[in-house]
Amino acid sequence: MKGTIIFFINVVIAYTLFPIIYIHRYWGNIISGNYEIPYIRTNSLSDFLIRVFDGAGLGGTIFLLINLLPFQFIKLKWLYKFDHNFYIKSIGFYILFNIAFVLITGWGSLLLMIESPWLDKKPFLFVLFLFSVIFQTALYIAIDRKILEKKNVL
């Protein structure tokens, strides 16, 4: 039962939080009501979101299978043994996990190719750190606190 809930929460994070961050370039367009992307202009928000979220499903699946689930298995096996400062230790380990993932797979070169004005001005490791903190915080709130409460750690 615990494994099913953990899998479900990881799926929800991969297909809700990841797409929201995936479309970061278009947040301003959505807020201002300017439904225009290069070469495409739409009149409705729904058409705009269909165009913008194109590829988010595949990206969410890759993120789930290659990043979230392996890290969750590592947490289940080793990280839940830490009782003190679990949140800080899990964030630190997730950042190291993501850095190793980027170095091994070369995924960083693909992430650096994203055309984003604010991403171009920030160092890649800072952005990786920021996204790691966001995703690990979501996992901590949704999963880890409940597991640690059952262990009577919190």
C-alpha atoms as a PDB file:
ATOM      1  CA  MET A   1       0.000   0.000   0.000  1.00  0.00           C
ATOM      2  CA  LYS A   2       2.800   2.443   0.911  1.00  0.00           C
ATOM      3  CA  GLY A   3       4.548   1.801  -2.400  1.00  0.00           C
ATOM      4  CA  THR A   4       1.365   2.488  -4.360  1.00  0.00           C
ATOM      5  CA  ILE A   5       0.823   5.821  -2.624  1.00  0.00           C
ATOM      6  CA  ILE A   6       4.458   6.812  -3.146  1.00  0.00           C
ATOM      7  CA  PHE A   7       4.219   5.915  -6.848  1.00  0.00           C
ATOM      8  CA  PHE A   8       0.935   7.844  -7.207  1.00  0.00           C
ATOM      9  CA  ILE A   9       2.337  10.992  -5.572  1.00  0.00           C
ATOM     10  CA  ASN A  10       5.448  10.837  -7.769  1.00  0.00           C
ATOM     11  CA  VAL A  11       3.201  10.529 -10.842  1.00  0.00           C
ATOM     12  CA  VAL A  12       1.143  13.530  -9.709  1.00  0.00           C
ATOM     13  CA  ILE A  13       4.301  15.601  -9.185  1.00  0.00           C
ATOM     14  CA  ALA A  14       5.750  14.524 -12.540  1.00  0.00           C
ATOM     15  CA  TYR A  15       2.576  15.423 -14.442  1.00  0.00           C
ATOM     16  CA  THR A  16       1.562  18.599 -12.571  1.00  0.00           C
ATOM     17  CA  LEU A  17       4.587  20.351 -11.063  1.00  0.00           C
ATOM     18  CA  PHE A  18       7.006  19.403 -13.859  1.00  0.00           C
ATOM     19  CA  PRO A  19       4.767  20.796 -16.663  1.00  0.00           C
ATOM     20  CA  ILE A  20       4.251  24.034 -14.744  1.00  0.00           C
ATOM     21  CA  ILE A  21       8.018  24.500 -14.554  1.00  0.00           C
ATOM     22  CA  TYR A  22       8.377  23.175 -18.129  1.00  0.00           C
ATOM     23  CA  ILE A  23       6.358  26.132 -19.482  1.00  0.00           C
ATOM     24  CA  HIS A  24       8.238  28.769 -17.450  1.00  0.00           C
ATOM     25  CA  ARG A  25       8.954  30.761 -20.619  1.00  0.00           C
ATOM     26  CA  TYR A  26       5.255  31.404 -21.146  1.00  0.00           C
ATOM     27  CA  TRP A  27       4.122  32.368 -17.625  1.00  0.00           C
ATOM     28  CA  GLY A  28       4.201  36.042 -18.583  1.00  0.00           C
ATOM     29  CA  ASN A  29       2.136  35.386 -21.709  1.00  0.00           C
ATOM     30  CA  ILE A  30      -0.486  33.488 -19.719  1.00  0.00           C
ATOM     31  CA  ILE A  31      -0.721  36.190 -17.047  1.00  0.00           C
ATOM     32  CA  SER A  32      -0.886  39.073 -19.547  1.00  0.00           C
ATOM     33  CA  GLY A  33      -3.347  37.310 -21.866  1.00  0.00           C
ATOM     34  CA  ASN A  34      -0.940  37.487 -24.809  1.00  0.00           C
ATOM     35  CA  TYR A  35      -1.480  34.063 -26.377  1.00  0.00           C
ATOM     36  CA  GLU A  36       1.335  34.336 -28.869  1.00  0.00           C
ATOM     37  CA  ILE A  37       4.298  32.049 -29.381  1.00  0.00           C
ATOM     38  CA  PRO A  38       6.777  32.282 -32.231  1.00  0.00           C
ATOM     39  CA  TYR A  39       4.971  31.498 -35.482  1.00  0.00           C
ATOM     40  CA  ILE A  40       1.656  30.833 -33.702  1.00  0.00           C
ATOM     41  CA  ARG A  41      -1.006  33.215 -32.400  1.00  0.00           C
ATOM     42  CA  THR A  42      -4.104  31.852 -30.715  1.00  0.00           C
ATOM     43  CA  ASN A  43      -7.175  33.595 -29.382  1.00  0.00           C
ATOM     44  CA  SER A  44      -8.009  31.315 -26.478  1.00  0.00           C
ATOM     45  CA  LEU A  45      -6.114  30.172 -23.423  1.00  0.00           C
ATOM     46  CA  SER A  46      -6.981  26.522 -24.060  1.00  0.00           C
ATOM     47  CA  ASP A  47      -5.465  26.548 -27.574  1.00  0.00           C
ATOM     48  CA  PHE A  48      -2.406  28.344 -26.225  1.00  0.00           C
ATOM     49  CA  LEU A  49      -1.922  25.785 -23.417  1.00  0.00           C
ATOM     50  CA  ILE A  50      -2.318  22.882 -25.857  1.00  0.00           C
ATOM     51  CA  ARG A  51       0.534  24.323 -27.944  1.00  0.00           C
ATOM     52  CA  VAL A  52       2.699  25.214 -24.943  1.00  0.00           C
ATOM     53  CA  PHE A  53       2.287  21.879 -23.129  1.00  0.00           C
ATOM     54  CA  ASP A  54       3.278  19.962 -26.260  1.00  0.00           C
ATOM     55  CA  GLY A  55       6.066  17.679 -25.078  1.00  0.00           C
ATOM     56  CA  ALA A  56       5.337  18.068 -21.374  1.00  0.00           C
ATOM     57  CA  GLY A  57       3.875  14.550 -21.193  1.00  0.00           C
ATOM     58  CA  LEU A  58       7.017  12.947 -22.591  1.00  0.00           C
ATOM     59  CA  GLY A  59       9.196  15.179 -20.416  1.00  0.00           C
ATOM     60  CA  GLY A  60       7.143  14.266 -17.341  1.00  0.00           C
ATOM     61  CA  THR A  61       7.460  10.560 -18.123  1.00  0.00           C
ATOM     62  CA  ILE A  62      11.224  10.799 -18.561  1.00  0.00           C
ATOM     63  CA  PHE A  63      11.484  12.860 -15.365  1.00  0.00           C
ATOM     64  CA  LEU A  64       9.404  10.291 -13.481  1.00  0.00           C
ATOM     65  CA  LEU A  65      11.243   7.190 -14.685  1.00  0.00           C
ATOM     66  CA  ILE A  66      14.806   8.482 -14.689  1.00  0.00           C
ATOM     67  CA  ASN A  67      14.796  10.971 -11.814  1.00  0.00           C
ATOM     68  CA  LEU A  68      11.924  10.796  -9.329  1.00  0.00           C
ATOM     69  CA  LEU A  69      11.399   7.044  -8.935  1.00  0.00           C
ATOM     70  CA  PRO A  70      15.096   6.077  -8.632  1.00  0.00           C
ATOM     71  CA  PHE A  71      15.593   8.813  -6.041  1.00  0.00           C
ATOM     72  CA  GLN A  72      12.500   7.639  -4.158  1.00  0.00           C
ATOM     73  CA  PHE A  73      13.872   4.087  -4.058  1.00  0.00           C
ATOM     74  CA  ILE A  74      17.179   5.423  -2.719  1.00  0.00           C
ATOM     75  CA  LYS A  75      15.284   7.327  -0.033  1.00  0.00           C
ATOM     76  CA  LEU A  76      13.310   4.225   0.933  1.00  0.00           C
ATOM     77  CA  LYS A  77      16.459   2.125   1.154  1.00  0.00           C
ATOM     78  CA  TRP A  78      18.923   4.512   2.837  1.00  0.00           C
ATOM     79  CA  LEU A  79      17.763   8.058   3.576  1.00  0.00           C
ATOM     80  CA  TYR A  80      14.861   7.268   5.911  1.00  0.00           C
ATOM     81  CA  LYS A  81      17.438   5.956   8.390  1.00  0.00           C
ATOM     82  CA  PHE A  82      18.447   9.573   9.142  1.00  0.00           C
ATOM     83  CA  ASP A  83      16.340  10.949  11.949  1.00  0.00           C
ATOM     84  CA  HIS A  84      17.792  14.408  12.481  1.00  0.00           C
ATOM     85  CA  ASN A  85      17.648  17.096   9.780  1.00  0.00           C
ATOM     86  CA  PHE A  86      16.110  14.692   7.269  1.00  0.00           C
ATOM     87  CA  TYR A  87      14.815  17.516   5.066  1.00  0.00           C
ATOM     88  CA  ILE A  88      18.227  19.199   4.716  1.00  0.00           C
ATOM     89  CA  LYS A  89      20.014  15.885   4.130  1.00  0.00           C
ATOM     90  CA  SER A  90      17.461  14.783   1.534  1.00  0.00           C
ATOM     91  CA  ILE A  91      17.727  18.085  -0.355  1.00  0.00           C
ATOM     92  CA  GLY A  92      21.523  17.863  -0.331  1.00  0.00           C
ATOM     93  CA  PHE A  93      21.443  14.296  -1.557  1.00  0.00           C
ATOM     94  CA  TYR A  94      18.870  15.130  -4.251  1.00  0.00           C
ATOM     95  CA  ILE A  95      21.060  17.967  -5.521  1.00  0.00           C
ATOM     96  CA  LEU A  96      24.052  15.607  -5.692  1.00  0.00           C
ATOM     97  CA  PHE A  97      21.834  12.978  -7.357  1.00  0.00           C
ATOM     98  CA  ASN A  98      20.757  15.494 -10.012  1.00  0.00           C
ATOM     99  CA  ILE A  99      24.305  16.722 -10.614  1.00  0.00           C
ATOM    100  CA  ALA A 100      25.469  13.114 -11.096  1.00  0.00           C
ATOM    101  CA  PHE A 101      22.466  12.473 -13.359  1.00  0.00           C
ATOM    102  CA  VAL A 102      23.304  15.508 -15.513  1.00  0.00           C
ATOM    103  CA  LEU A 103      26.990  14.587 -15.721  1.00  0.00           C
ATOM    104  CA  ILE A 104      26.312  10.949 -16.616  1.00  0.00           C
ATOM    105  CA  THR A 105      23.559  11.525 -19.181  1.00  0.00           C
ATOM    106  CA  GLY A 106      24.597  14.852 -20.665  1.00  0.00           C
ATOM    107  CA  TRP A 107      21.078  16.151 -20.012  1.00  0.00           C
ATOM    108  CA  GLY A 108      22.555  19.503 -18.973  1.00  0.00           C
ATOM    109  CA  SER A 109      23.477  20.408 -22.530  1.00  0.00           C
ATOM    110  CA  LEU A 110      19.837  19.962 -23.525  1.00  0.00           C
ATOM    111  CA  LEU A 111      18.649  22.067 -20.603  1.00  0.00           C
ATOM    112  CA  LEU A 112      21.096  24.830 -21.461  1.00  0.00           C
ATOM    113  CA  MET A 113      19.673  25.032 -24.983  1.00  0.00           C
ATOM    114  CA  ILE A 114      16.284  26.225 -23.679  1.00  0.00           C
ATOM    115  CA  GLU A 115      15.652  29.740 -24.928  1.00  0.00           C
ATOM    116  CA  SER A 116      14.762  31.599 -21.804  1.00  0.00           C
ATOM    117  CA  PRO A 117      15.859  35.107 -20.887  1.00  0.00           C
ATOM    118  CA  TRP A 118      16.146  34.443 -17.142  1.00  0.00           C
ATOM    119  CA  LEU A 119      17.796  31.029 -17.575  1.00  0.00           C
ATOM    120  CA  ASP A 120      20.517  32.506 -19.794  1.00  0.00           C
ATOM    121  CA  LYS A 121      21.569  34.902 -17.049  1.00  0.00           C
ATOM    122  CA  LYS A 122      21.810  32.291 -14.274  1.00  0.00           C
ATOM    123  CA  PRO A 123      24.500  29.660 -13.870  1.00  0.00           C
ATOM    124  CA  PHE A 124      23.287  26.181 -14.700  1.00  0.00           C
ATOM    125  CA  LEU A 125      24.147  24.755 -11.280  1.00  0.00           C
ATOM    126  CA  PHE A 126      22.057  27.464  -9.602  1.00  0.00           C
ATOM    127  CA  VAL A 127      19.037  26.524 -11.733  1.00  0.00           C
ATOM    128  CA  LEU A 128      19.637  22.829 -11.025  1.00  0.00           C
ATOM    129  CA  PHE A 129      19.847  23.641  -7.306  1.00  0.00           C
ATOM    130  CA  LEU A 130      16.609  25.657  -7.450  1.00  0.00           C
ATOM    131  CA  PHE A 131      14.657  22.950  -9.287  1.00  0.00           C
ATOM    132  CA  SER A 132      16.033  20.278  -6.951  1.00  0.00           C
ATOM    133  CA  VAL A 133      14.845  22.234  -3.925  1.00  0.00           C
ATOM    134  CA  ILE A 134      11.391  22.752  -5.463  1.00  0.00           C
ATOM    135  CA  PHE A 135      10.861  19.084  -6.323  1.00  0.00           C
ATOM    136  CA  GLN A 136      12.349  17.727  -3.093  1.00  0.00           C
ATOM    137  CA  THR A 137      10.202  20.121  -1.054  1.00  0.00           C
ATOM    138  CA  ALA A 138       7.088  18.873  -2.874  1.00  0.00           C
ATOM    139  CA  LEU A 139       8.121  15.265  -2.206  1.00  0.00           C
ATOM    140  CA  TYR A 140       8.843  16.067   1.430  1.00  0.00           C
ATOM    141  CA  ILE A 141       5.459  17.694   1.953  1.00  0.00           C
ATOM    142  CA  ALA A 142       3.550  14.962   0.121  1.00  0.00           C
ATOM    143  CA  ILE A 143       5.395  11.801   1.205  1.00  0.00           C
ATOM    144  CA  ASP A 144       8.293  12.136   3.618  1.00  0.00           C
ATOM    145  CA  ARG A 145       6.522  13.920   6.468  1.00  0.00           C
ATOM    146  CA  LYS A 146       3.898  11.174   6.666  1.00  0.00           C
ATOM    147  CA  ILE A 147       6.489   8.393   6.660  1.00  0.00           C
ATOM    148  CA  LEU A 148       8.608  10.169   9.273  1.00  0.00           C
ATOM    149  CA  GLU A 149       5.519  10.790  11.459  1.00  0.00           C
ATOM    150  CA  LYS A 150       4.810   7.057  11.415  1.00  0.00           C
ATOM    151  CA  LYS A 151       8.396   6.490  12.577  1.00  0.00           C
ATOM    152  CA  ASN A 152       7.763   9.083  15.338  1.00  0.00           C
ATOM    153  CA  VAL A 153      10.686  11.187  14.172  1.00  0.00           C
ATOM    154  CA  LEU A 154       8.775  14.471  13.778  1.00  0.00           C
END
